Amino acid sequence: NGTRLKDLMPGFATAPRTGRYVVLQPGFVDAYRATEGYELDL
């Protein structure tokens, strides 16, 4: 609940993942901040 893409990015590169496919859904909560920041993060 409440996850922003911005919240994921600091540790995203080192986060453990096993999936062949990675679903990236966060963005609704990010819609309250600058558009440029969301595009860069995504």
All heavy atoms as atom14 arrays in JSON, in Angstrom:
{
  "sequence": "NGTRLKDLMPGFATAPRTGRYVVLQPGFVDAYRATEGYELDL",
  "atom14_mask": [
    [1, 1, 1, 1, 1, 1, 1, 1, 0, 0, 0, 0, 0, 0],
    [1, 1, 1, 1, 0, 0, 0, 0, 0, 0, 0, 0, 0, 0],
    [1, 1, 1, 1, 1, 1, 1, 0, 0, 0, 0, 0, 0, 0],
    [1, 1, 1, 1, 1, 1, 1, 1, 1, 1, 1, 0, 0, 0],
    [1, 1, 1, 1, 1, 1, 1, 1, 0, 0, 0, 0, 0, 0],
    [1, 1, 1, 1, 1, 1, 1, 1, 1, 0, 0, 0, 0, 0],
    [1, 1, 1, 1, 1, 1, 1, 1, 0, 0, 0, 0, 0, 0],
    [1, 1, 1, 1, 1, 1, 1, 1, 0, 0, 0, 0, 0, 0],
    [1, 1, 1, 1, 1, 1, 1, 1, 0, 0, 0, 0, 0, 0],
    [1, 1, 1, 1, 1, 1, 1, 0, 0, 0, 0, 0, 0, 0],
    [1, 1, 1, 1, 0, 0, 0, 0, 0, 0, 0, 0, 0, 0],
    [1, 1, 1, 1, 1, 1, 1, 1, 1, 1, 1, 0, 0, 0],
    [1, 1, 1, 1, 1, 0, 0, 0, 0, 0, 0, 0, 0, 0],
    [1, 1, 1, 1, 1, 1, 1, 0, 0, 0, 0, 0, 0, 0],
    [1, 1, 1, 1, 1, 0, 0, 0, 0, 0, 0, 0, 0, 0],
    [1, 1, 1, 1, 1, 1, 1, 0, 0, 0, 0, 0, 0, 0],
    [1, 1, 1, 1, 1, 1, 1, 1, 1, 1, 1, 0, 0, 0],
    [1, 1, 1, 1, 1, 1, 1, 0, 0, 0, 0, 0, 0, 0],
    [1, 1, 1, 1, 0, 0, 0, 0, 0, 0, 0, 0, 0, 0],
    [1, 1, 1, 1, 1, 1, 1, 1, 1, 1, 1, 0, 0, 0],
    [1, 1, 1, 1, 1, 1, 1, 1, 1, 1, 1, 1, 0, 0],
    [1, 1, 1, 1, 1, 1, 1, 0, 0, 0, 0, 0, 0, 0],
    [1, 1, 1, 1, 1, 1, 1, 0, 0, 0, 0, 0, 0, 0],
    [1, 1, 1, 1, 1, 1, 1, 1, 0, 0, 0, 0, 0, 0],
    [1, 1, 1, 1, 1, 1, 1, 1, 1, 0, 0, 0, 0, 0],
    [1, 1, 1, 1, 1, 1, 1, 0, 0, 0, 0, 0, 0, 0],
    [1, 1, 1, 1, 0, 0, 0, 0, 0, 0, 0, 0, 0, 0],
    [1, 1, 1, 1, 1, 1, 1, 1, 1, 1, 1, 0, 0, 0],
    [1, 1, 1, 1, 1, 1, 1, 0, 0, 0, 0, 0, 0, 0],
    [1, 1, 1, 1, 1, 1, 1, 1, 0, 0, 0, 0, 0, 0],
    [1, 1, 1, 1, 1, 0, 0, 0, 0, 0, 0, 0, 0, 0],
    [1, 1, 1, 1, 1, 1, 1, 1, 1, 1, 1, 1, 0, 0],
    [1, 1, 1, 1, 1, 1, 1, 1, 1, 1, 1, 0, 0, 0],
    [1, 1, 1, 1, 1, 0, 0, 0, 0, 0, 0, 0, 0, 0],
    [1, 1, 1, 1, 1, 1, 1, 0, 0, 0, 0, 0, 0, 0],
    [1, 1, 1, 1, 1, 1, 1, 1, 1, 0, 0, 0, 0, 0],
    [1, 1, 1, 1, 0, 0, 0, 0, 0, 0, 0, 0, 0, 0],
    [1, 1, 1, 1, 1, 1, 1, 1, 1, 1, 1, 1, 0, 0],
    [1, 1, 1, 1, 1, 1, 1, 1, 1, 0, 0, 0, 0, 0],
    [1, 1, 1, 1, 1, 1, 1, 1, 0, 0, 0, 0, 0, 0],
    [1, 1, 1, 1, 1, 1, 1, 1, 0, 0, 0, 0, 0, 0],
    [1, 1, 1, 1, 1, 1, 1, 1, 0, 0, 0, 0, 0, 0]
  ],
  "atom14_positions": [
    [[0.82, -1.21, 0.0], [0.0, 0.0, 0.0], [0.86, 1.27, 0.0], [1.84, 1.36, 0.75], [-0.91, 0.01, 1.23], [-1.9, -1.12, 1.23], [-2.15, -1.75, 0.2], [-2.5, -1.4, 2.38], [0.0, 0.0, 0.0], [0.0, 0.0, 0.0], [0.0, 0.0, 0.0], [0.0, 0.0, 0.0], [0.0, 0.0, 0.0], [0.0, 0.0, 0.0]],
    [[0.49, 2.22, -0.86], [1.14, 3.52, -0.87], [2.48, 3.59, -1.55], [3.15, 4.63, -1.49], [0.0, 0.0, 0.0], [0.0, 0.0, 0.0], [0.0, 0.0, 0.0], [0.0, 0.0, 0.0], [0.0, 0.0, 0.0], [0.0, 0.0, 0.0], [0.0, 0.0, 0.0], [0.0, 0.0, 0.0], [0.0, 0.0, 0.0], [0.0, 0.0, 0.0]],
    [[2.9, 2.52, -2.21], [4.23, 2.5, -2.83], [4.31, 3.5, -3.98], [3.46, 3.53, -4.87], [4.55, 1.09, -3.37], [4.56, 0.18, -2.28], [5.91, 1.07, -4.07], [0.0, 0.0, 0.0], [0.0, 0.0, 0.0], [0.0, 0.0, 0.0], [0.0, 0.0, 0.0], [0.0, 0.0, 0.0], [0.0, 0.0, 0.0], [0.0, 0.0, 0.0]],
    [[5.36, 4.31, -3.94], [5.7, 5.17, -5.07], [6.9, 4.59, -5.79], [7.73, 3.92, -5.18], [6.06, 6.59, -4.59], [4.94, 7.33, -3.9], [5.35, 8.75, -3.55], [6.52, 8.76, -2.65], [7.18, 9.87, -2.32], [6.83, 11.04, -2.81], [8.21, 9.8, -1.49], [0.0, 0.0, 0.0], [0.0, 0.0, 0.0], [0.0, 0.0, 0.0]],
    [[6.99, 4.84, -7.08], [8.17, 4.39, -7.81], [9.42, 5.03, -7.22], [10.47, 4.39, -7.12], [8.04, 4.73, -9.29], [9.13, 4.19, -10.2], [9.21, 2.67, -10.14], [8.9, 4.64, -11.65], [0.0, 0.0, 0.0], [0.0, 0.0, 0.0], [0.0, 0.0, 0.0], [0.0, 0.0, 0.0], [0.0, 0.0, 0.0], [0.0, 0.0, 0.0]],
    [[9.29, 6.27, -6.8], [10.42, 6.99, -6.18], [10.93, 6.24, -4.95], [12.14, 6.2, -4.69], [9.99, 8.4, -5.79], [11.09, 9.23, -5.14], [10.58, 10.61, -4.77], [11.68, 11.45, -4.16], [11.2, 12.81, -3.79], [0.0, 0.0, 0.0], [0.0, 0.0, 0.0], [0.0, 0.0, 0.0], [0.0, 0.0, 0.0], [0.0, 0.0, 0.0]],
    [[10.02, 5.61, -4.2], [10.41, 4.87, -3.0], [11.22, 3.62, -3.35], [12.05, 3.17, -2.55], [9.17, 4.45, -2.2], [8.34, 5.63, -1.73], [8.92, 6.71, -1.49], [7.11, 5.47, -1.61], [0.0, 0.0, 0.0], [0.0, 0.0, 0.0], [0.0, 0.0, 0.0], [0.0, 0.0, 0.0], [0.0, 0.0, 0.0], [0.0, 0.0, 0.0]],
    [[10.94, 3.04, -4.51], [11.62, 1.81, -4.89], [13.04, 2.04, -5.41], [13.9, 1.17, -5.28], [10.83, 1.09, -6.0], [9.47, 0.5, -5.63], [8.83, -0.12, -6.87], [9.61, -0.54, -4.53], [0.0, 0.0, 0.0], [0.0, 0.0, 0.0], [0.0, 0.0, 0.0], [0.0, 0.0, 0.0], [0.0, 0.0, 0.0], [0.0, 0.0, 0.0]],
    [[13.27, 3.19, -6.03], [14.49, 3.37, -6.81], [15.8, 3.31, -6.02], [16.78, 2.76, -6.54], [14.41, 4.67, -7.61], [13.32, 4.66, -8.67], [13.26, 3.11, -9.62], [14.85, 3.13, -10.42], [0.0, 0.0, 0.0], [0.0, 0.0, 0.0], [0.0, 0.0, 0.0], [0.0, 0.0, 0.0], [0.0, 0.0, 0.0], [0.0, 0.0, 0.0]],
    [[15.9, 3.84, -4.79], [17.2, 3.8, -4.11], [17.81, 2.4, -3.99], [19.01, 2.22, -4.15], [16.9, 4.41, -2.74], [15.74, 5.31, -2.98], [14.9, 4.61, -4.01], [0.0, 0.0, 0.0], [0.0, 0.0, 0.0], [0.0, 0.0, 0.0], [0.0, 0.0, 0.0], [0.0, 0.0, 0.0], [0.0, 0.0, 0.0], [0.0, 0.0, 0.0]],
    [[16.99, 1.39, -3.72], [17.53, 0.04, -3.57], [17.13, -0.91, -4.68], [17.36, -2.12, -4.57], [0.0, 0.0, 0.0], [0.0, 0.0, 0.0], [0.0, 0.0, 0.0], [0.0, 0.0, 0.0], [0.0, 0.0, 0.0], [0.0, 0.0, 0.0], [0.0, 0.0, 0.0], [0.0, 0.0, 0.0], [0.0, 0.0, 0.0], [0.0, 0.0, 0.0]],
    [[16.54, -0.37, -5.75], [15.99, -1.24, -6.79], [17.08, -2.05, -7.49], [16.89, -3.22, -7.81], [15.21, -0.41, -7.8], [14.41, -1.24, -8.78], [13.24, -1.87, -8.38], [14.83, -1.38, -10.09], [12.49, -2.63, -9.27], [14.09, -2.15, -10.99], [12.92, -2.77, -10.58], [0.0, 0.0, 0.0], [0.0, 0.0, 0.0], [0.0, 0.0, 0.0]],
    [[18.22, -1.44, -7.73], [19.28, -2.11, -8.48], [19.84, -3.32, -7.74], [20.32, -4.27, -8.37], [20.4, -1.13, -8.81], [0.0, 0.0, 0.0], [0.0, 0.0, 0.0], [0.0, 0.0, 0.0], [0.0, 0.0, 0.0], [0.0, 0.0, 0.0], [0.0, 0.0, 0.0], [0.0, 0.0, 0.0], [0.0, 0.0, 0.0], [0.0, 0.0, 0.0]],
    [[19.78, -3.3, -6.43], [20.35, -4.41, -5.64], [19.29, -5.31, -5.03], [19.62, -6.27, -4.34], [21.24, -3.85, -4.52], [20.47, -2.96, -3.7], [22.43, -3.09, -5.09], [0.0, 0.0, 0.0], [0.0, 0.0, 0.0], [0.0, 0.0, 0.0], [0.0, 0.0, 0.0], [0.0, 0.0, 0.0], [0.0, 0.0, 0.0], [0.0, 0.0, 0.0]],
    [[18.02, -5.01, -5.28], [16.95, -5.84, -4.72], [16.95, -7.23, -5.35], [17.14, -7.36, -6.56], [15.6, -5.16, -4.95], [0.0, 0.0, 0.0], [0.0, 0.0, 0.0], [0.0, 0.0, 0.0], [0.0, 0.0, 0.0], [0.0, 0.0, 0.0], [0.0, 0.0, 0.0], [0.0, 0.0, 0.0], [0.0, 0.0, 0.0], [0.0, 0.0, 0.0]],
    [[16.78, -8.29, -4.56], [16.76, -9.65, -5.13], [15.52, -9.88, -5.97], [14.4, -9.53, -5.56], [16.78, -10.54, -3.89], [16.19, -9.7, -2.8], [16.6, -8.29, -3.09], [0.0, 0.0, 0.0], [0.0, 0.0, 0.0], [0.0, 0.0, 0.0], [0.0, 0.0, 0.0], [0.0, 0.0, 0.0], [0.0, 0.0, 0.0], [0.0, 0.0, 0.0]],
    [[15.73, -10.45, -7.14], [14.62, -10.8, -8.04], [14.91, -12.15, -8.66], [16.06, -12.47, -8.94], [14.46, -9.75, -9.15], [13.67, -8.53, -8.77], [13.63, -7.52, -9.89], [14.87, -6.79, -10.05], [15.24, -5.73, -9.34], [14.43, -5.27, -8.4], [16.4, -5.13, -9.54], [0.0, 0.0, 0.0], [0.0, 0.0, 0.0], [0.0, 0.0, 0.0]],
    [[13.86, -12.91, -8.9], [14.01, -14.21, -9.54], [13.18, -14.33, -10.81], [13.37, -15.26, -11.58], [13.6, -15.34, -8.58], [12.24, -15.14, -8.19], [14.48, -15.36, -7.34], [0.0, 0.0, 0.0], [0.0, 0.0, 0.0], [0.0, 0.0, 0.0], [0.0, 0.0, 0.0], [0.0, 0.0, 0.0], [0.0, 0.0, 0.0], [0.0, 0.0, 0.0]],
    [[12.26, -13.41, -11.03], [11.33, -13.52, -12.15], [11.96, -13.22, -13.5], [12.83, -12.35, -13.61], [0.0, 0.0, 0.0], [0.0, 0.0, 0.0], [0.0, 0.0, 0.0], [0.0, 0.0, 0.0], [0.0, 0.0, 0.0], [0.0, 0.0, 0.0], [0.0, 0.0, 0.0], [0.0, 0.0, 0.0], [0.0, 0.0, 0.0], [0.0, 0.0, 0.0]],
    [[11.51, -13.95, -14.5], [11.9, -13.65, -15.89], [11.19, -12.39, -16.36], [11.7, -11.65, -17.18], [11.52, -14.83, -16.79], [11.96, -14.65, -18.24], [13.47, -14.78, -18.37], [13.92, -14.54, -19.73], [14.24, -13.34, -20.22], [14.15, -12.28, -19.44], [14.67, -13.21, -21.45], [0.0, 0.0, 0.0], [0.0, 0.0, 0.0], [0.0, 0.0, 0.0]],
    [[10.0, -12.13, -15.8], [9.2, -10.96, -16.15], [9.01, -10.1, -14.9], [8.72, -10.63, -13.83], [7.85, -11.38, -16.74], [8.03, -12.28, -17.94], [8.06, -13.67, -17.78], [8.23, -11.77, -19.2], [8.28, -14.51, -18.86], [8.45, -12.6, -20.29], [8.48, -13.96, -20.11], [8.71, -14.79, -21.18], [0.0, 0.0, 0.0], [0.0, 0.0, 0.0]],
    [[9.19, -8.8, -15.04], [9.09, -7.89, -13.91], [8.01, -6.85, -14.21], [8.15, -6.06, -15.14], [10.43, -7.2, -13.62], [10.3, -6.22, -12.45], [11.52, -8.23, -13.34], [0.0, 0.0, 0.0], [0.0, 0.0, 0.0], [0.0, 0.0, 0.0], [0.0, 0.0, 0.0], [0.0, 0.0, 0.0], [0.0, 0.0, 0.0], [0.0, 0.0, 0.0]],
    [[6.94, -6.89, -13.43], [5.83, -5.95, -13.61], [6.13, -4.68, -12.82], [6.4, -4.73, -11.61], [4.51, -6.58, -13.12], [3.37, -5.56, -13.23], [4.19, -7.83, -13.93], [0.0, 0.0, 0.0], [0.0, 0.0, 0.0], [0.0, 0.0, 0.0], [0.0, 0.0, 0.0], [0.0, 0.0, 0.0], [0.0, 0.0, 0.0], [0.0, 0.0, 0.0]],
    [[6.05, -3.55, -13.53], [6.3, -2.24, -12.92], [4.98, -1.46, -12.94], [4.59, -0.9, -13.96], [7.39, -1.49, -13.68], [8.76, -2.18, -13.73], [9.7, -1.44, -14.68], [9.36, -2.26, -12.33], [0.0, 0.0, 0.0], [0.0, 0.0, 0.0], [0.0, 0.0, 0.0], [0.0, 0.0, 0.0], [0.0, 0.0, 0.0], [0.0, 0.0, 0.0]],
    [[4.3, -1.41, -11.78], [3.0, -0.75, -11.7], [3.0, 0.59, -10.98], [2.17, 1.44, -11.31], [2.0, -1.69, -11.02], [0.57, -1.15, -10.9], [0.34, -0.32, -9.63], [1.1, -0.42, -8.65], [-0.69, 0.51, -9.64], [0.0, 0.0, 0.0], [0.0, 0.0, 0.0], [0.0, 0.0, 0.0], [0.0, 0.0, 0.0], [0.0, 0.0, 0.0]],
    [[3.9, 0.85, -10.02], [3.78, 2.1, -9.27], [3.75, 3.33, -10.17], [4.42, 3.38, -11.19], [5.03, 2.1, -8.39], [5.36, 0.66, -8.22], [5.03, 0.04, -9.55], [0.0, 0.0, 0.0], [0.0, 0.0, 0.0], [0.0, 0.0, 0.0], [0.0, 0.0, 0.0], [0.0, 0.0, 0.0], [0.0, 0.0, 0.0], [0.0, 0.0, 0.0]],
    [[2.97, 4.31, -9.76], [2.87, 5.54, -10.53], [1.68, 6.4, -10.15], [1.7, 7.61, -10.35], [0.0, 0.0, 0.0], [0.0, 0.0, 0.0], [0.0, 0.0, 0.0], [0.0, 0.0, 0.0], [0.0, 0.0, 0.0], [0.0, 0.0, 0.0], [0.0, 0.0, 0.0], [0.0, 0.0, 0.0], [0.0, 0.0, 0.0], [0.0, 0.0, 0.0]],
    [[0.65, 5.77, -9.59], [-0.52, 6.57, -9.19], [-0.15, 7.57, -8.11], [-0.46, 8.76, -8.22], [-1.63, 5.64, -8.7], [-2.89, 6.37, -8.3], [-3.85, 6.67, -9.25], [-3.11, 6.76, -6.98], [-5.0, 7.35, -8.9], [-4.26, 7.43, -6.62], [-5.21, 7.73, -7.58], [0.0, 0.0, 0.0], [0.0, 0.0, 0.0], [0.0, 0.0, 0.0]],
    [[0.52, 7.11, -7.08], [0.92, 8.02, -5.99], [1.96, 9.01, -6.5], [1.98, 10.18, -6.09], [1.45, 7.23, -4.78], [1.78, 8.16, -3.62], [0.42, 6.19, -4.33], [0.0, 0.0, 0.0], [0.0, 0.0, 0.0], [0.0, 0.0, 0.0], [0.0, 0.0, 0.0], [0.0, 0.0, 0.0], [0.0, 0.0, 0.0], [0.0, 0.0, 0.0]],
    [[2.82, 8.56, -7.42], [3.82, 9.46, -8.01], [3.19, 10.59, -8.8], [3.85, 11.58, -9.11], [4.75, 8.68, -8.94], [5.58, 7.64, -8.21], [5.08, 6.52, -8.03], [6.72, 7.95, -7.84], [0.0, 0.0, 0.0], [0.0, 0.0, 0.0], [0.0, 0.0, 0.0], [0.0, 0.0, 0.0], [0.0, 0.0, 0.0], [0.0, 0.0, 0.0]],
    [[1.91, 10.45, -9.17], [1.25, 11.47, -9.99], [1.01, 12.77, -9.24], [0.49, 13.74, -9.81], [-0.08, 10.93, -10.51], [0.0, 0.0, 0.0], [0.0, 0.0, 0.0], [0.0, 0.0, 0.0], [0.0, 0.0, 0.0], [0.0, 0.0, 0.0], [0.0, 0.0, 0.0], [0.0, 0.0, 0.0], [0.0, 0.0, 0.0], [0.0, 0.0, 0.0]],
    [[1.42, 12.81, -7.97], [1.34, 14.05, -7.21], [2.64, 14.83, -7.26], [2.78, 15.86, -6.6], [0.98, 13.74, -5.75], [-0.42, 13.23, -5.59], [-0.65, 11.85, -5.44], [-1.52, 14.08, -5.57], [-1.94, 11.36, -5.29], [-2.81, 13.59, -5.43], [-3.01, 12.23, -5.29], [-4.29, 11.73, -5.15], [0.0, 0.0, 0.0], [0.0, 0.0, 0.0]],
    [[3.64, 14.36, -8.04], [4.91, 15.07, -8.13], [5.27, 15.3, -9.59], [4.5, 14.95, -10.48], [6.03, 14.32, -7.4], [6.41, 12.99, -8.02], [7.46, 12.31, -7.14], [7.92, 11.04, -7.69], [8.95, 10.91, -8.49], [9.64, 11.96, -8.88], [9.32, 9.71, -8.93], [0.0, 0.0, 0.0], [0.0, 0.0, 0.0], [0.0, 0.0, 0.0]],
    [[6.44, 15.87, -9.86], [6.81, 16.3, -11.21], [6.81, 15.16, -12.21], [7.33, 14.07, -11.92], [8.19, 16.97, -11.18], [0.0, 0.0, 0.0], [0.0, 0.0, 0.0], [0.0, 0.0, 0.0], [0.0, 0.0, 0.0], [0.0, 0.0, 0.0], [0.0, 0.0, 0.0], [0.0, 0.0, 0.0], [0.0, 0.0, 0.0], [0.0, 0.0, 0.0]],
    [[6.26, 15.4, -13.39], [6.22, 14.41, -14.45], [7.61, 13.97, -14.85], [7.87, 12.79, -15.09], [5.48, 14.98, -15.68], [4.17, 15.39, -15.29], [5.37, 13.94, -16.78], [0.0, 0.0, 0.0], [0.0, 0.0, 0.0], [0.0, 0.0, 0.0], [0.0, 0.0, 0.0], [0.0, 0.0, 0.0], [0.0, 0.0, 0.0], [0.0, 0.0, 0.0]],
    [[8.54, 14.9, -14.93], [9.9, 14.57, -15.35], [10.53, 13.53, -14.41], [11.21, 12.61, -14.84], [10.78, 15.83, -15.38], [12.2, 15.54, -15.83], [13.07, 16.79, -15.8], [12.57, 17.85, -15.39], [14.25, 16.7, -16.18], [0.0, 0.0, 0.0], [0.0, 0.0, 0.0], [0.0, 0.0, 0.0], [0.0, 0.0, 0.0], [0.0, 0.0, 0.0]],
    [[10.3, 13.69, -13.1], [10.87, 12.74, -12.15], [10.32, 11.35, -12.35], [11.06, 10.37, -12.25], [0.0, 0.0, 0.0], [0.0, 0.0, 0.0], [0.0, 0.0, 0.0], [0.0, 0.0, 0.0], [0.0, 0.0, 0.0], [0.0, 0.0, 0.0], [0.0, 0.0, 0.0], [0.0, 0.0, 0.0], [0.0, 0.0, 0.0], [0.0, 0.0, 0.0]],
    [[9.05, 11.22, -12.66], [8.46, 9.89, -12.88], [9.04, 9.24, -14.12], [9.38, 8.05, -14.11], [6.94, 10.0, -13.0], [6.29, 8.66, -13.27], [6.25, 7.68, -12.28], [5.73, 8.37, -14.51], [5.67, 6.44, -12.51], [5.14, 7.13, -14.75], [5.12, 6.18, -13.76], [4.55, 4.95, -14.0], [0.0, 0.0, 0.0], [0.0, 0.0, 0.0]],
    [[9.17, 9.97, -15.18], [9.74, 9.4, -16.41], [11.17, 8.92, -16.19], [11.56, 7.83, -16.63], [9.7, 10.4, -17.55], [10.3, 9.84, -18.84], [10.17, 10.77, -20.02], [9.58, 11.85, -19.87], [10.66, 10.4, -21.11], [0.0, 0.0, 0.0], [0.0, 0.0, 0.0], [0.0, 0.0, 0.0], [0.0, 0.0, 0.0], [0.0, 0.0, 0.0]],
    [[11.97, 9.72, -15.51], [13.35, 9.33, -15.24], [13.41, 8.06, -14.38], [14.22, 7.17, -14.64], [14.09, 10.48, -14.55], [14.36, 11.72, -15.39], [14.96, 12.83, -14.54], [15.28, 11.4, -16.56], [0.0, 0.0, 0.0], [0.0, 0.0, 0.0], [0.0, 0.0, 0.0], [0.0, 0.0, 0.0], [0.0, 0.0, 0.0], [0.0, 0.0, 0.0]],
    [[12.55, 8.0, -13.36], [12.55, 6.82, -12.48], [12.09, 5.57, -13.23], [12.69, 4.5, -13.09], [11.64, 7.06, -11.28], [12.26, 8.02, -10.26], [13.48, 8.23, -10.32], [11.5, 8.53, -9.4], [0.0, 0.0, 0.0], [0.0, 0.0, 0.0], [0.0, 0.0, 0.0], [0.0, 0.0, 0.0], [0.0, 0.0, 0.0], [0.0, 0.0, 0.0]],
    [[11.03, 5.69, -14.04], [10.52, 4.53, -14.76], [11.53, 4.06, -15.8], [11.76, 2.85, -15.96], [9.19, 4.86, -15.43], [8.48, 3.69, -16.12], [8.28, 2.52, -15.16], [7.15, 4.14, -16.71], [0.0, 0.0, 0.0], [0.0, 0.0, 0.0], [0.0, 0.0, 0.0], [0.0, 0.0, 0.0], [0.0, 0.0, 0.0], [0.0, 0.0, 0.0]]
  ]
}
